mmCIF file of all heavy atoms, coordinates in Angstrom:
data_MODEL
# 
_entry.id   MODEL 
# 
loop_
_atom_site.group_PDB 
_atom_site.id 
_atom_site.type_symbol 
_atom_site.label_atom_id 
_atom_site.label_alt_id 
_atom_site.label_comp_id 
_atom_site.label_asym_id 
_atom_site.label_entity_id 
_atom_site.label_seq_id 
_atom_site.pdbx_PDB_ins_code 
_atom_site.Cartn_x 
_atom_site.Cartn_y 
_atom_site.Cartn_z 
_atom_site.occupancy 
_atom_site.B_iso_or_equiv 
_atom_site.pdbx_formal_charge 
_atom_site.auth_seq_id 
_atom_site.auth_comp_id 
_atom_site.auth_asym_id 
_atom_site.auth_atom_id 
_atom_site.pdbx_PDB_model_num 
ATOM 1   N N   . SER A 1 1  ? 0.826  -1.206 0.000   1.00 0.00 ? 1  SER A N   1 
ATOM 2   C CA  . SER A 1 1  ? 0.000  0.000  0.000   1.00 0.00 ? 1  SER A CA  1 
ATOM 3   C C   . SER A 1 1  ? 0.862  1.258  0.000   1.00 0.00 ? 1  SER A C   1 
ATOM 4   O O   . SER A 1 1  ? 0.534  2.243  -0.676  1.00 0.00 ? 1  SER A O   1 
ATOM 5   C CB  . SER A 1 1  ? -0.954 -0.005 1.190   1.00 0.00 ? 1  SER A CB  1 
ATOM 6   O OG  . SER A 1 1  ? -0.247 -0.013 2.399   1.00 0.00 ? 1  SER A OG  1 
ATOM 7   N N   . LEU A 1 2  ? 1.983  1.235  0.714   1.00 0.00 ? 2  LEU A N   1 
ATOM 8   C CA  . LEU A 1 2  ? 2.892  2.380  0.710   1.00 0.00 ? 2  LEU A CA  1 
ATOM 9   C C   . LEU A 1 2  ? 3.501  2.569  -0.671  1.00 0.00 ? 2  LEU A C   1 
ATOM 10  O O   . LEU A 1 2  ? 3.577  3.693  -1.176  1.00 0.00 ? 2  LEU A O   1 
ATOM 11  C CB  . LEU A 1 2  ? 3.989  2.189  1.759   1.00 0.00 ? 2  LEU A CB  1 
ATOM 12  C CG  . LEU A 1 2  ? 5.051  3.283  1.835   1.00 0.00 ? 2  LEU A CG  1 
ATOM 13  C CD1 . LEU A 1 2  ? 4.424  4.620  2.212   1.00 0.00 ? 2  LEU A CD1 1 
ATOM 14  C CD2 . LEU A 1 2  ? 6.126  2.908  2.830   1.00 0.00 ? 2  LEU A CD2 1 
ATOM 15  N N   . LYS A 1 3  ? 3.899  1.483  -1.289  1.00 0.00 ? 3  LYS A N   1 
ATOM 16  C CA  . LYS A 1 3  ? 4.502  1.558  -2.622  1.00 0.00 ? 3  LYS A CA  1 
ATOM 17  C C   . LYS A 1 3  ? 3.513  2.122  -3.635  1.00 0.00 ? 3  LYS A C   1 
ATOM 18  O O   . LYS A 1 3  ? 3.870  2.959  -4.466  1.00 0.00 ? 3  LYS A O   1 
ATOM 19  C CB  . LYS A 1 3  ? 4.968  0.175  -3.047  1.00 0.00 ? 3  LYS A CB  1 
ATOM 20  C CG  . LYS A 1 3  ? 5.709  0.157  -4.353  1.00 0.00 ? 3  LYS A CG  1 
ATOM 21  C CD  . LYS A 1 3  ? 6.229  -1.225 -4.666  1.00 0.00 ? 3  LYS A CD  1 
ATOM 22  C CE  . LYS A 1 3  ? 6.995  -1.231 -5.965  1.00 0.00 ? 3  LYS A CE  1 
ATOM 23  N NZ  . LYS A 1 3  ? 7.539  -2.556 -6.269  1.00 0.00 ? 3  LYS A NZ  1 
ATOM 24  N N   . ASP A 1 4  ? 2.256  1.685  -3.569  1.00 0.00 ? 4  ASP A N   1 
ATOM 25  C CA  . ASP A 1 4  ? 1.235  2.190  -4.489  1.00 0.00 ? 4  ASP A CA  1 
ATOM 26  C C   . ASP A 1 4  ? 0.969  3.677  -4.264  1.00 0.00 ? 4  ASP A C   1 
ATOM 27  O O   . ASP A 1 4  ? 0.792  4.437  -5.226  1.00 0.00 ? 4  ASP A O   1 
ATOM 28  C CB  . ASP A 1 4  ? -0.055 1.395  -4.341  1.00 0.00 ? 4  ASP A CB  1 
ATOM 29  C CG  . ASP A 1 4  ? 0.067  -0.030 -4.840  1.00 0.00 ? 4  ASP A CG  1 
ATOM 30  O OD1 . ASP A 1 4  ? 1.000  -0.304 -5.628  1.00 0.00 ? 4  ASP A OD1 1 
ATOM 31  O OD2 . ASP A 1 4  ? -0.759 -0.868 -4.430  1.00 0.00 ? 4  ASP A OD2 1 
ATOM 32  N N   . ALA A 1 5  ? 0.926  4.091  -3.010  1.00 0.00 ? 5  ALA A N   1 
ATOM 33  C CA  . ALA A 1 5  ? 0.674  5.502  -2.714  1.00 0.00 ? 5  ALA A CA  1 
ATOM 34  C C   . ALA A 1 5  ? 1.805  6.391  -3.207  1.00 0.00 ? 5  ALA A C   1 
ATOM 35  O O   . ALA A 1 5  ? 1.566  7.456  -3.784  1.00 0.00 ? 5  ALA A O   1 
ATOM 36  C CB  . ALA A 1 5  ? 0.468  5.685  -1.218  1.00 0.00 ? 5  ALA A CB  1 
ATOM 37  N N   . VAL A 1 6  ? 3.032  5.942  -3.017  1.00 0.00 ? 6  VAL A N   1 
ATOM 38  C CA  . VAL A 1 6  ? 4.182  6.722  -3.479  1.00 0.00 ? 6  VAL A CA  1 
ATOM 39  C C   . VAL A 1 6  ? 4.219  6.739  -5.006  1.00 0.00 ? 6  VAL A C   1 
ATOM 40  O O   . VAL A 1 6  ? 4.526  7.770  -5.622  1.00 0.00 ? 6  VAL A O   1 
ATOM 41  C CB  . VAL A 1 6  ? 5.492  6.177  -2.879  1.00 0.00 ? 6  VAL A CB  1 
ATOM 42  C CG1 . VAL A 1 6  ? 6.708  6.830  -3.508  1.00 0.00 ? 6  VAL A CG1 1 
ATOM 43  C CG2 . VAL A 1 6  ? 5.510  6.405  -1.382  1.00 0.00 ? 6  VAL A CG2 1 
ATOM 44  N N   . LYS A 1 7  ? 3.857  5.626  -5.617  1.00 0.00 ? 7  LYS A N   1 
ATOM 45  C CA  . LYS A 1 7  ? 3.825  5.568  -7.079  1.00 0.00 ? 7  LYS A CA  1 
ATOM 46  C C   . LYS A 1 7  ? 2.794  6.550  -7.645  1.00 0.00 ? 7  LYS A C   1 
ATOM 47  O O   . LYS A 1 7  ? 3.072  7.253  -8.620  1.00 0.00 ? 7  LYS A O   1 
ATOM 48  C CB  . LYS A 1 7  ? 3.497  4.140  -7.526  1.00 0.00 ? 7  LYS A CB  1 
ATOM 49  C CG  . LYS A 1 7  ? 3.528  3.943  -9.010  1.00 0.00 ? 7  LYS A CG  1 
ATOM 50  C CD  . LYS A 1 7  ? 3.238  2.496  -9.366  1.00 0.00 ? 7  LYS A CD  1 
ATOM 51  C CE  . LYS A 1 7  ? 3.226  2.308  -10.865 1.00 0.00 ? 7  LYS A CE  1 
ATOM 52  N NZ  . LYS A 1 7  ? 2.907  0.907  -11.220 1.00 0.00 ? 7  LYS A NZ  1 
ATOM 53  N N   . SER A 1 8  ? 1.621  6.616  -7.034  1.00 0.00 ? 8  SER A N   1 
ATOM 54  C CA  . SER A 1 8  ? 0.608  7.555  -7.508  1.00 0.00 ? 8  SER A CA  1 
ATOM 55  C C   . SER A 1 8  ? 1.036  9.004  -7.266  1.00 0.00 ? 8  SER A C   1 
ATOM 56  O O   . SER A 1 8  ? 0.754  9.884  -8.083  1.00 0.00 ? 8  SER A O   1 
ATOM 57  C CB  . SER A 1 8  ? -0.743 7.273  -6.859  1.00 0.00 ? 8  SER A CB  1 
ATOM 58  O OG  . SER A 1 8  ? -0.699 7.525  -5.483  1.00 0.00 ? 8  SER A OG  1 
ATOM 59  N N   . LEU A 1 9  ? 1.751  9.259  -6.174  1.00 0.00 ? 9  LEU A N   1 
ATOM 60  C CA  . LEU A 1 9  ? 2.265  10.603 -5.910  1.00 0.00 ? 9  LEU A CA  1 
ATOM 61  C C   . LEU A 1 9  ? 3.312  10.997 -6.949  1.00 0.00 ? 9  LEU A C   1 
ATOM 62  O O   . LEU A 1 9  ? 3.303  12.120 -7.459  1.00 0.00 ? 9  LEU A O   1 
ATOM 63  C CB  . LEU A 1 9  ? 2.845  10.684 -4.503  1.00 0.00 ? 9  LEU A CB  1 
ATOM 64  C CG  . LEU A 1 9  ? 3.390  12.039 -4.063  1.00 0.00 ? 9  LEU A CG  1 
ATOM 65  C CD1 . LEU A 1 9  ? 2.281  13.080 -4.046  1.00 0.00 ? 9  LEU A CD1 1 
ATOM 66  C CD2 . LEU A 1 9  ? 4.023  11.929 -2.700  1.00 0.00 ? 9  LEU A CD2 1 
ATOM 67  N N   . ARG A 1 10 ? 4.175  10.056 -7.298  1.00 0.00 ? 10 ARG A N   1 
ATOM 68  C CA  . ARG A 1 10 ? 5.193  10.351 -8.296  1.00 0.00 ? 10 ARG A CA  1 
ATOM 69  C C   . ARG A 1 10 ? 4.581  10.615 -9.671  1.00 0.00 ? 10 ARG A C   1 
ATOM 70  O O   . ARG A 1 10 ? 5.004  11.525 -10.382 1.00 0.00 ? 10 ARG A O   1 
ATOM 71  C CB  . ARG A 1 10 ? 6.192  9.201  -8.384  1.00 0.00 ? 10 ARG A CB  1 
ATOM 72  C CG  . ARG A 1 10 ? 7.067  9.079  -7.146  1.00 0.00 ? 10 ARG A CG  1 
ATOM 73  C CD  . ARG A 1 10 ? 7.982  7.909  -7.228  1.00 0.00 ? 10 ARG A CD  1 
ATOM 74  N NE  . ARG A 1 10 ? 9.062  8.213  -8.156  1.00 0.00 ? 10 ARG A NE  1 
ATOM 75  C CZ  . ARG A 1 10 ? 9.953  7.338  -8.567  1.00 0.00 ? 10 ARG A CZ  1 
ATOM 76  N NH1 . ARG A 1 10 ? 9.899  6.091  -8.141  1.00 0.00 ? 10 ARG A NH1 1 
ATOM 77  N NH2 . ARG A 1 10 ? 10.901 7.694  -9.404  1.00 0.00 ? 10 ARG A NH2 1 
ATOM 78  N N   . SER A 1 11 ? 3.574  9.842  -10.038 1.00 0.00 ? 11 SER A N   1 
ATOM 79  C CA  . SER A 1 11 ? 2.953  10.068 -11.339 1.00 0.00 ? 11 SER A CA  1 
ATOM 80  C C   . SER A 1 11 ? 2.178  11.384 -11.366 1.00 0.00 ? 11 SER A C   1 
ATOM 81  O O   . SER A 1 11 ? 2.156  12.075 -12.389 1.00 0.00 ? 11 SER A O   1 
ATOM 82  C CB  . SER A 1 11 ? 2.052  8.895  -11.715 1.00 0.00 ? 11 SER A CB  1 
ATOM 83  O OG  . SER A 1 11 ? 0.972  8.796  -10.822 1.00 0.00 ? 11 SER A OG  1 
ATOM 84  N N   . ALA A 1 12 ? 1.555  11.752 -10.262 1.00 0.00 ? 12 ALA A N   1 
ATOM 85  C CA  . ALA A 1 12 ? 0.859  13.042 -10.191 1.00 0.00 ? 12 ALA A CA  1 
ATOM 86  C C   . ALA A 1 12 ? 1.844  14.193 -10.270 1.00 0.00 ? 12 ALA A C   1 
ATOM 87  O O   . ALA A 1 12 ? 1.564  15.224 -10.893 1.00 0.00 ? 12 ALA A O   1 
ATOM 88  C CB  . ALA A 1 12 ? 0.049  13.120 -8.908  1.00 0.00 ? 12 ALA A CB  1 
ATOM 89  N N   . ARG A 1 13 ? 2.994  14.015 -9.674  1.00 0.00 ? 13 ARG A N   1 
ATOM 90  C CA  . ARG A 1 13 ? 4.019  15.055 -9.738  1.00 0.00 ? 13 ARG A CA  1 
ATOM 91  C C   . ARG A 1 13 ? 4.507  15.243 -11.161 1.00 0.00 ? 13 ARG A C   1 
ATOM 92  O O   . ARG A 1 13 ? 4.645  16.361 -11.640 1.00 0.00 ? 13 ARG A O   1 
ATOM 93  C CB  . ARG A 1 13 ? 5.193  14.686 -8.844  1.00 0.00 ? 13 ARG A CB  1 
ATOM 94  C CG  . ARG A 1 13 ? 6.411  15.554 -9.114  1.00 0.00 ? 13 ARG A CG  1 
ATOM 95  C CD  . ARG A 1 13 ? 7.640  15.103 -8.456  1.00 0.00 ? 13 ARG A CD  1 
ATOM 96  N NE  . ARG A 1 13 ? 8.128  13.819 -8.903  1.00 0.00 ? 13 ARG A NE  1 
ATOM 97  C CZ  . ARG A 1 13 ? 9.332  13.375 -8.597  1.00 0.00 ? 13 ARG A CZ  1 
ATOM 98  N NH1 . ARG A 1 13 ? 10.126 14.095 -7.847  1.00 0.00 ? 13 ARG A NH1 1 
ATOM 99  N NH2 . ARG A 1 13 ? 9.736  12.214 -9.008  1.00 0.00 ? 13 ARG A NH2 1 
ATOM 100 N N   . LEU A 1 14 ? 4.751  14.138 -11.858 1.00 0.00 ? 14 LEU A N   1 
ATOM 101 C CA  . LEU A 1 14 ? 5.238  14.238 -13.233 1.00 0.00 ? 14 LEU A CA  1 
ATOM 102 C C   . LEU A 1 14 ? 4.194  14.842 -14.166 1.00 0.00 ? 14 LEU A C   1 
ATOM 103 O O   . LEU A 1 14 ? 4.540  15.500 -15.146 1.00 0.00 ? 14 LEU A O   1 
ATOM 104 C CB  . LEU A 1 14 ? 5.669  12.857 -13.735 1.00 0.00 ? 14 LEU A CB  1 
ATOM 105 C CG  . LEU A 1 14 ? 6.908  12.287 -13.056 1.00 0.00 ? 14 LEU A CG  1 
ATOM 106 C CD1 . LEU A 1 14 ? 7.186  10.876 -13.551 1.00 0.00 ? 14 LEU A CD1 1 
ATOM 107 C CD2 . LEU A 1 14 ? 8.111  13.181 -13.305 1.00 0.00 ? 14 LEU A CD2 1 
ATOM 108 N N   . ALA A 1 15 ? 2.921  14.635 -13.862 1.00 0.00 ? 15 ALA A N   1 
ATOM 109 C CA  . ALA A 1 15 ? 1.853  15.197 -14.675 1.00 0.00 ? 15 ALA A CA  1 
ATOM 110 C C   . ALA A 1 15 ? 1.547  16.647 -14.307 1.00 0.00 ? 15 ALA A C   1 
ATOM 111 O O   . ALA A 1 15 ? 0.744  17.293 -14.992 1.00 0.00 ? 15 ALA A O   1 
ATOM 112 C CB  . ALA A 1 15 ? 0.594  14.343 -14.521 1.00 0.00 ? 15 ALA A CB  1 
ATOM 113 N N   . HIS A 1 16 ? 2.161  17.155 -13.250 1.00 0.00 ? 16 HIS A N   1 
ATOM 114 C CA  . HIS A 1 16 ? 1.890  18.507 -12.738 1.00 0.00 ? 16 HIS A CA  1 
ATOM 115 C C   . HIS A 1 16 ? 0.398  18.705 -12.494 1.00 0.00 ? 16 HIS A C   1 
ATOM 116 O O   . HIS A 1 16 ? -0.163 19.748 -12.807 1.00 0.00 ? 16 HIS A O   1 
ATOM 117 C CB  . HIS A 1 16 ? 2.429  19.584 -13.680 1.00 0.00 ? 16 HIS A CB  1 
ATOM 118 C CG  . HIS A 1 16 ? 3.909  19.673 -13.681 1.00 0.00 ? 16 HIS A CG  1 
ATOM 119 N ND1 . HIS A 1 16 ? 4.590  20.559 -12.886 1.00 0.00 ? 16 HIS A ND1 1 
ATOM 120 C CD2 . HIS A 1 16 ? 4.859  18.977 -14.360 1.00 0.00 ? 16 HIS A CD2 1 
ATOM 121 C CE1 . HIS A 1 16 ? 5.884  20.416 -13.091 1.00 0.00 ? 16 HIS A CE1 1 
ATOM 122 N NE2 . HIS A 1 16 ? 6.077  19.458 -13.979 1.00 0.00 ? 16 HIS A NE2 1 
ATOM 123 N N   . ASP A 1 17 ? -0.215 17.695 -11.905 1.00 0.00 ? 17 ASP A N   1 
ATOM 124 C CA  . ASP A 1 17 ? -1.640 17.748 -11.589 1.00 0.00 ? 17 ASP A CA  1 
ATOM 125 C C   . ASP A 1 17 ? -1.781 17.990 -10.086 1.00 0.00 ? 17 ASP A C   1 
ATOM 126 O O   . ASP A 1 17 ? -1.556 17.089 -9.272  1.00 0.00 ? 17 ASP A O   1 
ATOM 127 C CB  . ASP A 1 17 ? -2.313 16.437 -11.996 1.00 0.00 ? 17 ASP A CB  1 
ATOM 128 C CG  . ASP A 1 17 ? -3.808 16.494 -11.894 1.00 0.00 ? 17 ASP A CG  1 
ATOM 129 O OD1 . ASP A 1 17 ? -4.334 17.407 -11.240 1.00 0.00 ? 17 ASP A OD1 1 
ATOM 130 O OD2 . ASP A 1 17 ? -4.463 15.610 -12.481 1.00 0.00 ? 17 ASP A OD2 1 
ATOM 131 N N   . SER A 1 18 ? -2.166 19.201 -9.736  1.00 0.00 ? 18 SER A N   1 
ATOM 132 C CA  . SER A 1 18 ? -2.200 19.568 -8.316  1.00 0.00 ? 18 SER A CA  1 
ATOM 133 C C   . SER A 1 18 ? -3.269 18.802 -7.551  1.00 0.00 ? 18 SER A C   1 
ATOM 134 O O   . SER A 1 18 ? -3.051 18.425 -6.399  1.00 0.00 ? 18 SER A O   1 
ATOM 135 C CB  . SER A 1 18 ? -2.407 21.072 -8.153  1.00 0.00 ? 18 SER A CB  1 
ATOM 136 O OG  . SER A 1 18 ? -3.654 21.453 -8.675  1.00 0.00 ? 18 SER A OG  1 
ATOM 137 N N   . ASP A 1 19 ? -4.420 18.551 -8.174  1.00 0.00 ? 19 ASP A N   1 
ATOM 138 C CA  . ASP A 1 19 ? -5.484 17.823 -7.480  1.00 0.00 ? 19 ASP A CA  1 
ATOM 139 C C   . ASP A 1 19 ? -5.063 16.394 -7.171  1.00 0.00 ? 19 ASP A C   1 
ATOM 140 O O   . ASP A 1 19 ? -5.301 15.886 -6.068  1.00 0.00 ? 19 ASP A O   1 
ATOM 141 C CB  . ASP A 1 19 ? -6.767 17.810 -8.318  1.00 0.00 ? 19 ASP A CB  1 
ATOM 142 C CG  . ASP A 1 19 ? -7.368 19.196 -8.455  1.00 0.00 ? 19 ASP A CG  1 
ATOM 143 O OD1 . ASP A 1 19 ? -7.145 20.019 -7.541  1.00 0.00 ? 19 ASP A OD1 1 
ATOM 144 O OD2 . ASP A 1 19 ? -8.046 19.447 -9.466  1.00 0.00 ? 19 ASP A OD2 1 
ATOM 145 N N   . LYS A 1 20 ? -4.428 15.735 -8.131  1.00 0.00 ? 20 LYS A N   1 
ATOM 146 C CA  . LYS A 1 20 ? -3.957 14.366 -7.900  1.00 0.00 ? 20 LYS A CA  1 
ATOM 147 C C   . LYS A 1 20 ? -2.830 14.335 -6.877  1.00 0.00 ? 20 LYS A C   1 
ATOM 148 O O   . LYS A 1 20 ? -2.728 13.393 -6.091  1.00 0.00 ? 20 LYS A O   1 
ATOM 149 C CB  . LYS A 1 20 ? -3.503 13.726 -9.208  1.00 0.00 ? 20 LYS A CB  1 
ATOM 150 C CG  . LYS A 1 20 ? -4.644 13.349 -10.118 1.00 0.00 ? 20 LYS A CG  1 
ATOM 151 C CD  . LYS A 1 20 ? -4.135 12.626 -11.346 1.00 0.00 ? 20 LYS A CD  1 
ATOM 152 C CE  . LYS A 1 20 ? -5.273 12.275 -12.286 1.00 0.00 ? 20 LYS A CE  1 
ATOM 153 N NZ  . LYS A 1 20 ? -4.776 11.608 -13.512 1.00 0.00 ? 20 LYS A NZ  1 
ATOM 154 N N   . CYS A 1 21 ? -1.984 15.354 -6.871  1.00 0.00 ? 21 CYS A N   1 
ATOM 155 C CA  . CYS A 1 21 ? -0.912 15.427 -5.868  1.00 0.00 ? 21 CYS A CA  1 
ATOM 156 C C   . CYS A 1 21 ? -1.495 15.549 -4.465  1.00 0.00 ? 21 CYS A C   1 
ATOM 157 O O   . CYS A 1 21 ? -1.041 14.873 -3.541  1.00 0.00 ? 21 CYS A O   1 
ATOM 158 C CB  . CYS A 1 21 ? 0.006  16.614 -6.144  1.00 0.00 ? 21 CYS A CB  1 
ATOM 159 S SG  . CYS A 1 21 ? 1.246  16.342 -7.400  1.00 0.00 ? 21 CYS A SG  1 
ATOM 160 N N   . VAL A 1 22 ? -2.495 16.389 -4.321  1.00 0.00 ? 22 VAL A N   1 
ATOM 161 C CA  . VAL A 1 22 ? -3.120 16.574 -3.017  1.00 0.00 ? 22 VAL A CA  1 
ATOM 162 C C   . VAL A 1 22 ? -3.805 15.290 -2.573  1.00 0.00 ? 22 VAL A C   1 
ATOM 163 O O   . VAL A 1 22 ? -3.682 14.865 -1.417  1.00 0.00 ? 22 VAL A O   1 
ATOM 164 C CB  . VAL A 1 22 ? -4.110 17.765 -3.053  1.00 0.00 ? 22 VAL A CB  1 
ATOM 165 C CG1 . VAL A 1 22 ? -4.932 17.823 -1.790  1.00 0.00 ? 22 VAL A CG1 1 
ATOM 166 C CG2 . VAL A 1 22 ? -3.356 19.065 -3.257  1.00 0.00 ? 22 VAL A CG2 1 
ATOM 167 N N   . ASP A 1 23 ? -4.510 14.623 -3.506  1.00 0.00 ? 23 ASP A N   1 
ATOM 168 C CA  . ASP A 1 23 ? -5.182 13.363 -3.172  1.00 0.00 ? 23 ASP A CA  1 
ATOM 169 C C   . ASP A 1 23 ? -4.185 12.270 -2.809  1.00 0.00 ? 23 ASP A C   1 
ATOM 170 O O   . ASP A 1 23 ? -4.377 11.530 -1.847  1.00 0.00 ? 23 ASP A O   1 
ATOM 171 C CB  . ASP A 1 23 ? -6.060 12.901 -4.334  1.00 0.00 ? 23 ASP A CB  1 
ATOM 172 C CG  . ASP A 1 23 ? -7.248 13.809 -4.567  1.00 0.00 ? 23 ASP A CG  1 
ATOM 173 O OD1 . ASP A 1 23 ? -7.606 14.564 -3.633  1.00 0.00 ? 23 ASP A OD1 1 
ATOM 174 O OD2 . ASP A 1 23 ? -7.813 13.776 -5.677  1.00 0.00 ? 23 ASP A OD2 1 
ATOM 175 N N   . ALA A 1 24 ? -3.101 12.164 -3.594  1.00 0.00 ? 24 ALA A N   1 
ATOM 176 C CA  . ALA A 1 24 ? -2.090 11.139 -3.326  1.00 0.00 ? 24 ALA A CA  1 
ATOM 177 C C   . ALA A 1 24 ? -1.380 11.400 -2.011  1.00 0.00 ? 24 ALA A C   1 
ATOM 178 O O   . ALA A 1 24 ? -1.104 10.468 -1.240  1.00 0.00 ? 24 ALA A O   1 
ATOM 179 C CB  . ALA A 1 24 ? -1.088 11.080 -4.476  1.00 0.00 ? 24 ALA A CB  1 
ATOM 180 N N   . ALA A 1 25 ? -1.083 12.659 -1.717  1.00 0.00 ? 25 ALA A N   1 
ATOM 181 C CA  . ALA A 1 25 ? -0.426 12.991 -0.449  1.00 0.00 ? 25 ALA A CA  1 
ATOM 182 C C   . ALA A 1 25 ? -1.361 12.716 0.728   1.00 0.00 ? 25 ALA A C   1 
ATOM 183 O O   . ALA A 1 25 ? -0.919 12.232 1.774   1.00 0.00 ? 25 ALA A O   1 
ATOM 184 C CB  . ALA A 1 25 ? 0.014  14.447 -0.453  1.00 0.00 ? 25 ALA A CB  1 
ATOM 185 N N   . SER A 1 26 ? -2.652 12.977 0.548   1.00 0.00 ? 26 SER A N   1 
ATOM 186 C CA  . SER A 1 26 ? -3.612 12.686 1.619   1.00 0.00 ? 26 SER A CA  1 
ATOM 187 C C   . SER A 1 26 ? -3.715 11.189 1.879   1.00 0.00 ? 26 SER A C   1 
ATOM 188 O O   . SER A 1 26 ? -3.756 10.748 3.027   1.00 0.00 ? 26 SER A O   1 
ATOM 189 C CB  . SER A 1 26 ? -4.987 13.242 1.256   1.00 0.00 ? 26 SER A CB  1 
ATOM 190 O OG  . SER A 1 26 ? -4.937 14.631 1.156   1.00 0.00 ? 26 SER A OG  1 
ATOM 191 N N   . SER A 1 27 ? -3.744 10.400 0.810   1.00 0.00 ? 27 SER A N   1 
ATOM 192 C CA  . SER A 1 27 ? -3.796 8.947  0.995   1.00 0.00 ? 27 SER A CA  1 
ATOM 193 C C   . SER A 1 27 ? -2.503 8.430  1.617   1.00 0.00 ? 27 SER A C   1 
ATOM 194 O O   . SER A 1 27 ? -2.522 7.489  2.418   1.00 0.00 ? 27 SER A O   1 
ATOM 195 C CB  . SER A 1 27 ? -4.079 8.239  -0.329  1.00 0.00 ? 27 SER A CB  1 
ATOM 196 O OG  . SER A 1 27 ? -2.987 8.358  -1.206  1.00 0.00 ? 27 SER A OG  1 
ATOM 197 N N   . LEU A 1 28 ? -1.385 9.053  1.287   1.00 0.00 ? 28 LEU A N   1 
ATOM 198 C CA  . LEU A 1 28 ? -0.105 8.664  1.877   1.00 0.00 ? 28 LEU A CA  1 
ATOM 199 C C   . LEU A 1 28 ? -0.093 8.955  3.376   1.00 0.00 ? 28 LEU A C   1 
ATOM 200 O O   . LEU A 1 28 ? 0.379  8.138  4.166   1.00 0.00 ? 28 LEU A O   1 
ATOM 201 C CB  . LEU A 1 28 ? 1.035  9.399  1.173   1.00 0.00 ? 28 LEU A CB  1 
ATOM 202 C CG  . LEU A 1 28 ? 2.449  9.009  1.532   1.00 0.00 ? 28 LEU A CG  1 
ATOM 203 C CD1 . LEU A 1 28 ? 2.689  7.529  1.221   1.00 0.00 ? 28 LEU A CD1 1 
ATOM 204 C CD2 . LEU A 1 28 ? 3.432  9.854  0.768   1.00 0.00 ? 28 LEU A CD2 1 
# 
């Protein structure tokens, strides 16, 4: 679960999608 959360955070960062970054950081 930690690996998946970090993976989604990294992909949101690369996409420069602020909403996905906030969601991924919250799930982390």
